């Protein structure tokens, strides 16, 4: 490759990496959230790593490889730490308890509903209607023989004793 073309590519790459660092630094300073700042930090680290890798390739130096690996680990550990911190702080907000379904409706769960099943008060309040099924082997997606596109696992050999009637006969739903 020509010397002029190589220098032009190096200068263009350096300018692009410097521009990405400046834009990322603006995002780090401006925010507004900690996740925006973390993304900016990741971009700065990635730009430094790309610049260092390009320098290593052009100068035939391999002694900087440990520095590159440490920067990659720093970026990964930093991202995971911030995401865990943010997820813990989000779980402390009102209504975000484990298992809280206040933001979901029955359409989010793809539950079939007849036209007259929904009560008026459930519509006004916005809470999903819950239908309890007492038979644990019931599968709403199965056909009359108990076969079909069920949502749960098929009963295994250890479940056969639970599915049989009291007199040793097997239940027609499980097998």
N, C-alpha and C. Protein backbone atom coordinates (compact mmCIF):
# COMPACT_ATOMS: atom_id res chain seq x y z
N UNK A 1 0.86 -1.17 0.00
CA UNK A 1 0.00 0.00 0.00
C UNK A 1 0.90 1.24 0.00
N UNK A 2 0.46 2.23 -0.66
CA UNK A 2 1.25 3.45 -0.77
C UNK A 2 1.37 4.14 0.59
N UNK A 3 2.46 4.81 0.79
CA UNK A 3 2.73 5.52 2.05
C UNK A 3 1.70 6.63 2.28
N UNK A 4 1.30 7.30 1.24
CA UNK A 4 0.34 8.41 1.36
C UNK A 4 -1.04 7.88 1.74
N UNK A 5 -1.45 6.79 1.13
CA UNK A 5 -2.75 6.20 1.43
C UNK A 5 -2.79 5.71 2.87
N UNK A 6 -1.71 5.10 3.33
CA UNK A 6 -1.64 4.61 4.70
C UNK A 6 -1.73 5.75 5.71
N UNK A 7 -0.99 6.82 5.45
CA UNK A 7 -1.05 7.97 6.36
C UNK A 7 -2.43 8.62 6.35
N UNK A 8 -3.06 8.66 5.18
CA UNK A 8 -4.41 9.24 5.08
C UNK A 8 -5.41 8.40 5.88
N UNK A 9 -5.30 7.08 5.78
CA UNK A 9 -6.21 6.21 6.53
C UNK A 9 -5.97 6.33 8.04
N UNK A 10 -4.73 6.43 8.44
CA UNK A 10 -4.42 6.58 9.87
C UNK A 10 -4.96 7.91 10.39
N UNK A 11 -4.80 8.96 9.66
CA UNK A 11 -5.30 10.27 10.10
C UNK A 11 -6.82 10.27 10.13
N UNK A 12 -7.48 9.69 9.12
CA UNK A 12 -8.95 9.64 9.11
C UNK A 12 -9.47 8.80 10.27
N UNK A 13 -8.83 7.67 10.53
CA UNK A 13 -9.24 6.84 11.67
C UNK A 13 -9.03 7.54 12.99
N UNK A 14 -7.93 8.24 13.12
CA UNK A 14 -7.65 8.98 14.36
C UNK A 14 -8.66 10.09 14.58
N UNK A 15 -9.02 10.78 13.52
CA UNK A 15 -10.02 11.86 13.64
C UNK A 15 -11.38 11.28 14.03
N UNK A 16 -11.76 10.16 13.44
CA UNK A 16 -13.05 9.54 13.78
C UNK A 16 -13.06 9.04 15.23
N UNK A 17 -11.97 8.43 15.66
CA UNK A 17 -11.90 7.98 17.06
C UNK A 17 -11.93 9.16 18.02
N UNK A 18 -11.21 10.24 17.67
CA UNK A 18 -11.21 11.43 18.53
C UNK A 18 -12.61 12.06 18.58
N UNK A 19 -13.30 12.07 17.45
CA UNK A 19 -14.66 12.62 17.42
C UNK A 19 -15.60 11.77 18.28
N UNK A 20 -15.44 10.45 18.22
CA UNK A 20 -16.31 9.61 19.05
C UNK A 20 -16.02 9.80 20.53
N UNK A 21 -14.76 10.03 20.88
CA UNK A 21 -14.41 10.28 22.29
C UNK A 21 -15.01 11.62 22.74
N UNK A 22 -14.95 12.64 21.91
CA UNK A 22 -15.51 13.95 22.28
C UNK A 22 -17.02 13.85 22.46
N UNK A 23 -17.70 13.18 21.55
CA UNK A 23 -19.15 13.03 21.67
C UNK A 23 -19.51 12.20 22.90
N UNK A 24 -18.74 11.17 23.17
CA UNK A 24 -18.99 10.33 24.35
C UNK A 24 -18.72 11.11 25.64
N UNK A 25 -17.69 11.93 25.65
CA UNK A 25 -17.43 12.76 26.83
C UNK A 25 -18.56 13.75 27.07
N UNK A 26 -19.12 14.27 25.98
CA UNK A 26 -20.28 15.14 26.12
C UNK A 26 -21.45 14.37 26.76
N UNK A 27 -21.65 13.11 26.36
CA UNK A 27 -22.73 12.30 26.92
C UNK A 27 -22.45 11.98 28.38
N UNK A 28 -21.18 11.77 28.74
CA UNK A 28 -20.84 11.50 30.14
C UNK A 28 -21.14 12.71 31.00
N UNK A 29 -20.77 13.89 30.53
CA UNK A 29 -20.99 15.12 31.32
C UNK A 29 -22.47 15.48 31.36
N UNK A 30 -23.15 15.36 30.25
CA UNK A 30 -24.54 15.81 30.13
C UNK A 30 -25.53 14.84 30.77
N UNK A 31 -25.28 13.56 30.68
CA UNK A 31 -26.19 12.58 31.28
C UNK A 31 -27.39 12.32 30.39
N UNK A 32 -28.59 12.37 30.89
CA UNK A 32 -29.06 12.73 32.22
C UNK A 32 -29.07 11.57 33.21
N UNK A 33 -29.03 10.34 32.74
CA UNK A 33 -29.12 9.22 33.67
C UNK A 33 -27.76 8.54 33.81
N UNK A 34 -27.66 7.68 34.79
CA UNK A 34 -26.42 6.94 35.00
C UNK A 34 -26.17 5.96 33.86
N UNK A 35 -27.23 5.47 33.23
CA UNK A 35 -27.05 4.56 32.10
C UNK A 35 -26.47 5.30 30.89
N UNK A 36 -26.88 6.55 30.66
CA UNK A 36 -26.28 7.35 29.59
C UNK A 36 -24.81 7.57 29.84
N UNK A 37 -24.47 7.86 31.08
CA UNK A 37 -23.06 8.06 31.43
C UNK A 37 -22.25 6.77 31.25
N UNK A 38 -22.86 5.64 31.57
CA UNK A 38 -22.15 4.37 31.41
C UNK A 38 -21.94 4.04 29.94
N UNK A 39 -22.91 4.33 29.11
CA UNK A 39 -22.74 4.10 27.67
C UNK A 39 -21.64 5.00 27.13
N UNK A 40 -21.60 6.25 27.58
CA UNK A 40 -20.52 7.15 27.17
C UNK A 40 -19.16 6.64 27.60
N UNK A 41 -19.09 6.11 28.81
CA UNK A 41 -17.83 5.54 29.30
C UNK A 41 -17.42 4.33 28.47
N UNK A 42 -18.39 3.50 28.11
CA UNK A 42 -18.09 2.33 27.26
C UNK A 42 -17.57 2.77 25.89
N UNK A 43 -18.14 3.83 25.34
CA UNK A 43 -17.69 4.31 24.03
C UNK A 43 -16.26 4.85 24.14
N UNK A 44 -15.97 5.58 25.21
CA UNK A 44 -14.60 6.09 25.39
C UNK A 44 -13.61 4.93 25.51
N UNK A 45 -13.97 3.92 26.33
CA UNK A 45 -13.08 2.77 26.46
C UNK A 45 -12.91 2.03 25.14
N UNK A 46 -13.99 1.85 24.40
CA UNK A 46 -13.89 1.16 23.11
C UNK A 46 -13.04 1.96 22.13
N UNK A 47 -13.15 3.26 22.14
CA UNK A 47 -12.34 4.10 21.25
C UNK A 47 -10.87 4.02 21.62
N UNK A 48 -10.58 4.04 22.91
CA UNK A 48 -9.19 3.91 23.36
C UNK A 48 -8.64 2.54 22.96
N UNK A 49 -9.47 1.51 23.12
CA UNK A 49 -9.02 0.17 22.75
C UNK A 49 -8.78 0.06 21.24
N UNK A 50 -9.64 0.67 20.43
CA UNK A 50 -9.43 0.64 18.98
C UNK A 50 -8.17 1.41 18.59
N UNK A 51 -7.98 2.56 19.21
CA UNK A 51 -6.76 3.33 18.93
C UNK A 51 -5.51 2.57 19.34
N UNK A 52 -5.55 1.95 20.50
CA UNK A 52 -4.40 1.17 20.96
C UNK A 52 -4.16 -0.04 20.06
N UNK A 53 -5.23 -0.70 19.64
CA UNK A 53 -5.08 -1.83 18.72
C UNK A 53 -4.52 -1.41 17.38
N UNK A 54 -4.96 -0.27 16.87
CA UNK A 54 -4.40 0.24 15.61
C UNK A 54 -2.94 0.59 15.74
N UNK A 55 -2.59 1.21 16.87
CA UNK A 55 -1.19 1.54 17.11
C UNK A 55 -0.34 0.27 17.20
N UNK A 56 -0.88 -0.75 17.89
CA UNK A 56 -0.15 -2.01 18.02
C UNK A 56 0.05 -2.66 16.64
N UNK A 57 -0.96 -2.58 15.80
CA UNK A 57 -0.86 -3.20 14.47
C UNK A 57 0.14 -2.45 13.58
N UNK A 58 0.13 -1.13 13.66
CA UNK A 58 1.02 -0.35 12.79
C UNK A 58 2.47 -0.41 13.25
N UNK A 59 2.70 -0.52 14.55
CA UNK A 59 4.08 -0.50 15.04
C UNK A 59 4.62 -1.89 15.34
N UNK A 60 3.82 -2.94 15.07
CA UNK A 60 4.23 -4.32 15.33
C UNK A 60 4.64 -4.56 16.77
N UNK A 61 3.88 -4.00 17.70
CA UNK A 61 4.16 -4.19 19.13
C UNK A 61 3.10 -5.11 19.72
N UNK A 62 3.54 -6.12 20.40
CA UNK A 62 2.61 -7.02 21.08
C UNK A 62 2.69 -6.89 22.59
N UNK A 63 3.60 -6.07 23.08
CA UNK A 63 3.75 -5.93 24.52
C UNK A 63 2.61 -5.14 25.15
N UNK A 64 1.79 -4.49 24.36
CA UNK A 64 0.66 -3.73 24.88
C UNK A 64 -0.63 -4.55 24.95
N UNK A 65 -0.56 -5.80 24.56
CA UNK A 65 -1.75 -6.65 24.59
C UNK A 65 -2.34 -6.80 26.00
N UNK A 66 -1.55 -6.96 27.06
CA UNK A 66 -2.14 -7.01 28.41
C UNK A 66 -2.91 -5.74 28.77
N UNK A 67 -2.43 -4.60 28.31
CA UNK A 67 -3.14 -3.35 28.57
C UNK A 67 -4.50 -3.37 27.88
N UNK A 68 -4.53 -3.88 26.67
CA UNK A 68 -5.78 -3.99 25.93
C UNK A 68 -6.75 -4.93 26.63
N UNK A 69 -6.27 -6.03 27.15
CA UNK A 69 -7.13 -6.99 27.86
C UNK A 69 -7.65 -6.39 29.16
N UNK A 70 -6.80 -5.66 29.88
CA UNK A 70 -7.25 -5.02 31.12
C UNK A 70 -8.32 -3.97 30.83
N UNK A 71 -8.17 -3.20 29.77
CA UNK A 71 -9.19 -2.22 29.40
C UNK A 71 -10.51 -2.89 29.05
N UNK A 72 -10.44 -4.02 28.35
CA UNK A 72 -11.67 -4.75 28.01
C UNK A 72 -12.35 -5.28 29.26
N UNK A 73 -11.57 -5.81 30.19
CA UNK A 73 -12.16 -6.30 31.44
C UNK A 73 -12.73 -5.16 32.27
N UNK A 74 -12.06 -4.03 32.28
CA UNK A 74 -12.55 -2.87 33.01
C UNK A 74 -13.90 -2.40 32.46
N UNK A 75 -14.01 -2.36 31.15
CA UNK A 75 -15.29 -1.97 30.54
C UNK A 75 -16.39 -2.95 30.85
N UNK A 76 -16.11 -4.24 30.78
CA UNK A 76 -17.12 -5.25 31.06
C UNK A 76 -17.57 -5.20 32.52
N UNK A 77 -16.61 -5.19 33.44
CA UNK A 77 -16.95 -5.19 34.87
C UNK A 77 -17.69 -3.91 35.24
N UNK A 78 -17.28 -2.79 34.66
CA UNK A 78 -17.97 -1.53 34.94
C UNK A 78 -19.41 -1.54 34.45
N UNK A 79 -19.64 -2.07 33.26
CA UNK A 79 -21.00 -2.13 32.73
C UNK A 79 -21.88 -3.05 33.56
N UNK A 80 -21.37 -4.20 33.93
CA UNK A 80 -22.15 -5.14 34.74
C UNK A 80 -22.44 -4.55 36.11
N UNK A 81 -21.46 -3.89 36.70
CA UNK A 81 -21.66 -3.29 38.04
C UNK A 81 -22.72 -2.21 38.01
N UNK A 82 -22.66 -1.35 37.03
CA UNK A 82 -23.65 -0.27 36.95
C UNK A 82 -25.03 -0.84 36.65
N UNK A 83 -25.12 -1.83 35.79
CA UNK A 83 -26.44 -2.40 35.49
C UNK A 83 -27.03 -3.10 36.71
N UNK A 84 -26.21 -3.76 37.50
CA UNK A 84 -26.71 -4.38 38.73
C UNK A 84 -27.15 -3.32 39.73
N UNK A 85 -26.39 -2.23 39.83
CA UNK A 85 -26.76 -1.15 40.73
C UNK A 85 -28.09 -0.54 40.31
N UNK A 86 -28.25 -0.31 39.02
CA UNK A 86 -29.48 0.30 38.53
C UNK A 86 -30.66 -0.66 38.72
N UNK A 87 -30.45 -1.95 38.49
CA UNK A 87 -31.56 -2.90 38.66
C UNK A 87 -31.96 -3.01 40.13
N UNK A 88 -31.01 -2.91 41.05
CA UNK A 88 -31.36 -2.95 42.46
C UNK A 88 -32.09 -1.68 42.87
N UNK A 89 -31.67 -0.53 42.36
CA UNK A 89 -32.36 0.70 42.72
C UNK A 89 -33.74 0.77 42.10
N UNK A 90 -33.92 0.16 40.90
CA UNK A 90 -35.25 0.10 40.29
C UNK A 90 -36.18 -0.81 41.08
N UNK A 91 -35.63 -1.87 41.66
CA UNK A 91 -36.49 -2.80 42.40
C UNK A 91 -36.93 -2.21 43.72
N UNK A 92 -36.33 -1.11 44.15
CA UNK A 92 -36.72 -0.48 45.40
C UNK A 92 -37.85 0.53 45.21
N UNK A 93 -38.24 0.79 43.97
CA UNK A 93 -39.32 1.72 43.72
C UNK A 93 -40.66 1.07 44.03
N UNK A 94 -41.65 1.89 44.32
CA UNK A 94 -42.97 1.41 44.69
C UNK A 94 -43.60 0.65 43.54
N UNK A 95 -44.12 -0.52 43.82
CA UNK A 95 -44.80 -1.32 42.81
C UNK A 95 -43.89 -2.20 42.01
N UNK A 96 -42.59 -2.19 42.30
CA UNK A 96 -41.65 -3.00 41.55
C UNK A 96 -41.17 -4.19 42.36
N UNK A 97 -41.99 -4.63 43.30
CA UNK A 97 -41.60 -5.79 44.10
C UNK A 97 -41.53 -7.01 43.21
N UNK A 98 -40.86 -8.01 43.70
CA UNK A 98 -40.74 -9.24 42.93
C UNK A 98 -42.12 -9.87 42.77
N UNK A 99 -42.50 -10.12 41.56
CA UNK A 99 -43.78 -10.75 41.29
C UNK A 99 -44.93 -9.76 41.16
N UNK A 100 -44.66 -8.46 41.22
CA UNK A 100 -45.74 -7.49 41.10
C UNK A 100 -46.20 -7.44 39.65
N UNK A 101 -47.47 -7.56 39.43
CA UNK A 101 -48.03 -7.58 38.09
C UNK A 101 -48.96 -6.40 37.87
N UNK A 102 -48.71 -5.30 38.56
CA UNK A 102 -49.63 -4.18 38.49
C UNK A 102 -49.65 -3.53 37.11
N UNK A 103 -48.56 -3.64 36.35
CA UNK A 103 -48.51 -2.99 35.05
C UNK A 103 -49.00 -3.90 33.92
N UNK A 104 -49.31 -5.15 34.21
CA UNK A 104 -49.71 -6.09 33.18
C UNK A 104 -51.22 -6.23 33.13
N UNK A 105 -51.70 -6.52 31.94
CA UNK A 105 -53.10 -6.84 31.76
C UNK A 105 -53.18 -8.27 31.25
N UNK A 106 -54.37 -8.78 31.18
CA UNK A 106 -54.51 -10.16 30.72
C UNK A 106 -54.12 -10.32 29.26
N UNK A 107 -54.18 -9.24 28.47
CA UNK A 107 -53.75 -9.35 27.08
C UNK A 107 -52.24 -9.50 26.98
N UNK A 108 -51.50 -9.03 28.00
CA UNK A 108 -50.06 -9.22 27.98
C UNK A 108 -49.71 -10.69 28.17
N UNK A 109 -50.57 -11.43 28.82
CA UNK A 109 -50.31 -12.83 29.10
C UNK A 109 -50.93 -13.74 28.04
N UNK A 110 -51.57 -13.18 27.03
CA UNK A 110 -52.19 -13.92 25.93
C UNK A 110 -53.17 -14.96 26.45
N UNK A 111 -53.98 -14.57 27.42
CA UNK A 111 -54.97 -15.48 27.97
C UNK A 111 -56.26 -15.29 27.19
N UNK A 112 -56.82 -16.37 26.64
CA UNK A 112 -58.09 -16.23 25.91
C UNK A 112 -59.20 -15.86 26.88
N UNK A 113 -60.06 -14.99 26.42
CA UNK A 113 -61.15 -14.52 27.27
C UNK A 113 -62.42 -14.46 26.43
N UNK A 114 -63.49 -14.95 27.00
CA UNK A 114 -64.78 -14.87 26.33
C UNK A 114 -65.31 -13.45 26.40
N UNK A 115 -66.32 -13.15 25.60
CA UNK A 115 -66.83 -11.78 25.54
C UNK A 115 -67.47 -11.35 26.85
N UNK A 116 -68.12 -12.26 27.57
CA UNK A 116 -68.83 -11.86 28.78
C UNK A 116 -68.10 -12.18 30.06
N UNK A 117 -66.84 -12.61 30.00
CA UNK A 117 -66.15 -13.05 31.22
C UNK A 117 -65.59 -11.90 32.05
N UNK A 118 -65.26 -10.79 31.42
CA UNK A 118 -64.61 -9.71 32.15
C UNK A 118 -65.67 -8.91 32.92
N UNK A 119 -65.39 -8.73 34.20
CA UNK A 119 -66.33 -7.99 35.03
C UNK A 119 -66.14 -6.49 34.81
N UNK A 120 -67.14 -5.72 35.14
CA UNK A 120 -67.10 -4.28 34.94
C UNK A 120 -66.08 -3.63 35.86
N UNK A 121 -65.96 -4.10 37.09
CA UNK A 121 -65.01 -3.47 38.01
C UNK A 121 -63.57 -3.75 37.61
N UNK A 122 -63.27 -4.90 37.01
CA UNK A 122 -61.91 -5.18 36.55
C UNK A 122 -61.56 -4.27 35.39
N UNK A 123 -62.57 -3.90 34.55
CA UNK A 123 -62.32 -3.00 33.45
C UNK A 123 -62.04 -1.60 33.95
N UNK A 124 -62.79 -1.15 34.94
CA UNK A 124 -62.61 0.21 35.44
C UNK A 124 -61.29 0.37 36.16
N UNK A 125 -60.92 -0.58 36.99
CA UNK A 125 -59.71 -0.47 37.78
C UNK A 125 -58.48 -0.74 36.92
N UNK A 126 -58.60 -1.57 35.91
CA UNK A 126 -57.49 -1.90 35.05
C UNK A 126 -56.70 -3.10 35.54
N UNK A 127 -57.23 -3.84 36.49
CA UNK A 127 -56.53 -5.01 36.99
C UNK A 127 -56.92 -6.22 36.16
N UNK A 128 -56.00 -7.14 35.97
CA UNK A 128 -56.33 -8.33 35.18
C UNK A 128 -57.23 -9.27 35.96
N UNK A 129 -58.07 -9.95 35.20
CA UNK A 129 -58.94 -10.93 35.81
C UNK A 129 -58.18 -12.25 35.91
N UNK A 130 -58.20 -12.87 37.07
CA UNK A 130 -57.46 -14.10 37.28
C UNK A 130 -58.45 -15.24 37.41
N UNK A 131 -58.24 -16.28 36.62
CA UNK A 131 -59.07 -17.46 36.68
C UNK A 131 -58.24 -18.58 37.29
N UNK A 132 -58.70 -19.12 38.39
CA UNK A 132 -57.96 -20.19 39.04
C UNK A 132 -58.49 -21.53 38.55
N UNK A 133 -57.56 -22.42 38.25
CA UNK A 133 -57.90 -23.76 37.80
C UNK A 133 -57.46 -24.71 38.91
N UNK A 134 -58.40 -25.50 39.40
CA UNK A 134 -58.08 -26.36 40.53
C UNK A 134 -57.37 -27.63 40.11
N UNK A 135 -57.57 -28.11 38.89
CA UNK A 135 -56.93 -29.33 38.43
C UNK A 135 -55.53 -29.01 37.90
N UNK A 136 -54.45 -29.49 38.54
CA UNK A 136 -53.11 -29.13 38.09
C UNK A 136 -52.73 -29.77 36.76
N UNK A 137 -53.45 -30.76 36.32
CA UNK A 137 -53.13 -31.40 35.04
C UNK A 137 -53.89 -30.76 33.88
N UNK A 138 -54.74 -29.77 34.17
CA UNK A 138 -55.53 -29.12 33.13
C UNK A 138 -54.62 -28.31 32.21
N UNK A 139 -54.83 -28.43 30.93
CA UNK A 139 -54.09 -27.67 29.95
C UNK A 139 -55.09 -27.06 28.98
N UNK A 140 -55.21 -25.74 29.00
CA UNK A 140 -56.21 -25.05 28.18
C UNK A 140 -55.92 -25.18 26.69
N UNK A 141 -54.68 -25.47 26.33
CA UNK A 141 -54.31 -25.56 24.92
C UNK A 141 -54.38 -26.98 24.38
N UNK A 142 -54.71 -27.94 25.21
CA UNK A 142 -54.75 -29.32 24.77
C UNK A 142 -56.11 -29.64 24.15
N UNK A 143 -56.12 -30.65 23.29
CA UNK A 143 -57.39 -31.08 22.71
C UNK A 143 -58.11 -32.02 23.68
N UNK A 144 -59.18 -32.65 23.22
CA UNK A 144 -60.00 -33.46 24.12
C UNK A 144 -59.26 -34.69 24.65
N UNK A 145 -58.24 -35.18 23.94
CA UNK A 145 -57.47 -36.33 24.40
C UNK A 145 -56.33 -35.94 25.33
N UNK A 146 -56.16 -34.65 25.59
CA UNK A 146 -55.07 -34.21 26.45
C UNK A 146 -53.78 -33.97 25.71
N UNK A 147 -53.81 -34.06 24.37
CA UNK A 147 -52.61 -33.83 23.58
C UNK A 147 -52.73 -32.47 22.91
N UNK A 148 -51.61 -31.88 22.61
CA UNK A 148 -51.66 -30.62 21.89
C UNK A 148 -50.51 -29.72 22.28
N UNK A 149 -50.67 -28.44 21.98
CA UNK A 149 -49.62 -27.48 22.26
C UNK A 149 -49.77 -26.98 23.68
N UNK A 150 -49.38 -27.77 24.62
CA UNK A 150 -49.47 -27.38 26.01
C UNK A 150 -48.38 -26.41 26.39
N UNK A 151 -48.56 -25.77 27.51
CA UNK A 151 -47.58 -24.81 27.97
C UNK A 151 -46.64 -25.38 29.00
N UNK A 152 -46.95 -26.52 29.58
CA UNK A 152 -46.11 -27.09 30.61
C UNK A 152 -45.43 -28.34 30.13
N UNK A 153 -44.55 -28.88 30.96
CA UNK A 153 -43.85 -30.10 30.55
C UNK A 153 -44.78 -31.30 30.60
N UNK A 154 -44.46 -32.30 29.79
CA UNK A 154 -45.22 -33.53 29.80
C UNK A 154 -44.91 -34.28 31.09
N UNK A 155 -45.91 -35.00 31.62
CA UNK A 155 -45.65 -35.74 32.85
C UNK A 155 -44.62 -36.83 32.61
N UNK A 156 -43.66 -36.93 33.52
CA UNK A 156 -42.62 -37.94 33.40
C UNK A 156 -43.01 -39.20 34.16
N UNK A 157 -42.12 -40.18 34.20
CA UNK A 157 -42.44 -41.44 34.87
C UNK A 157 -42.71 -41.26 36.36
N UNK A 158 -42.03 -40.27 37.00
CA UNK A 158 -42.28 -40.08 38.43
C UNK A 158 -43.62 -39.42 38.69
N UNK A 159 -44.23 -38.82 37.67
CA UNK A 159 -45.54 -38.21 37.85
C UNK A 159 -46.68 -39.21 37.64
N UNK A 160 -46.36 -40.41 37.17
CA UNK A 160 -47.42 -41.37 36.86
C UNK A 160 -48.20 -41.77 38.11
N UNK A 161 -47.54 -41.85 39.24
CA UNK A 161 -48.25 -42.22 40.46
C UNK A 161 -49.19 -41.12 40.92
N UNK A 162 -48.84 -39.87 40.61
CA UNK A 162 -49.71 -38.76 41.00
C UNK A 162 -50.90 -38.64 40.06
N UNK A 163 -50.75 -39.13 38.85
CA UNK A 163 -51.80 -38.98 37.86
C UNK A 163 -52.77 -40.16 37.89
N UNK A 164 -52.41 -41.22 38.59
CA UNK A 164 -53.30 -42.37 38.61
C UNK A 164 -54.40 -42.16 39.64
N UNK A 165 -55.49 -42.84 39.45
CA UNK A 165 -56.58 -42.78 40.42
C UNK A 165 -56.20 -43.55 41.66
N UNK A 166 -57.01 -43.56 42.67
CA UNK A 166 -56.71 -44.20 43.92
C UNK A 166 -56.61 -45.72 43.80
N UNK A 167 -57.23 -46.32 42.78
CA UNK A 167 -57.24 -47.77 42.66
C UNK A 167 -56.22 -48.33 41.68
N UNK A 168 -55.23 -47.53 41.30
CA UNK A 168 -54.17 -48.01 40.42
C UNK A 168 -54.41 -47.75 38.96
N UNK A 169 -55.62 -47.27 38.55
CA UNK A 169 -55.88 -46.94 37.17
C UNK A 169 -55.25 -45.60 36.85
N UNK A 170 -54.73 -45.48 35.63
CA UNK A 170 -54.15 -44.22 35.26
C UNK A 170 -55.24 -43.26 34.80
N UNK A 171 -55.03 -42.02 35.08
CA UNK A 171 -55.93 -40.96 34.66
C UNK A 171 -55.81 -40.83 33.13
N UNK A 172 -56.89 -40.55 32.45
CA UNK A 172 -56.87 -40.48 30.99
C UNK A 172 -56.18 -39.21 30.50
N UNK A 173 -55.95 -38.21 31.36
CA UNK A 173 -55.34 -36.95 30.93
C UNK A 173 -53.83 -37.06 30.79
N UNK A 174 -53.14 -37.90 31.55
CA UNK A 174 -51.69 -37.83 31.61
C UNK A 174 -50.96 -38.73 30.66
N UNK A 175 -51.55 -39.71 30.08
CA UNK A 175 -50.74 -40.64 29.29
C UNK A 175 -51.25 -40.85 27.90
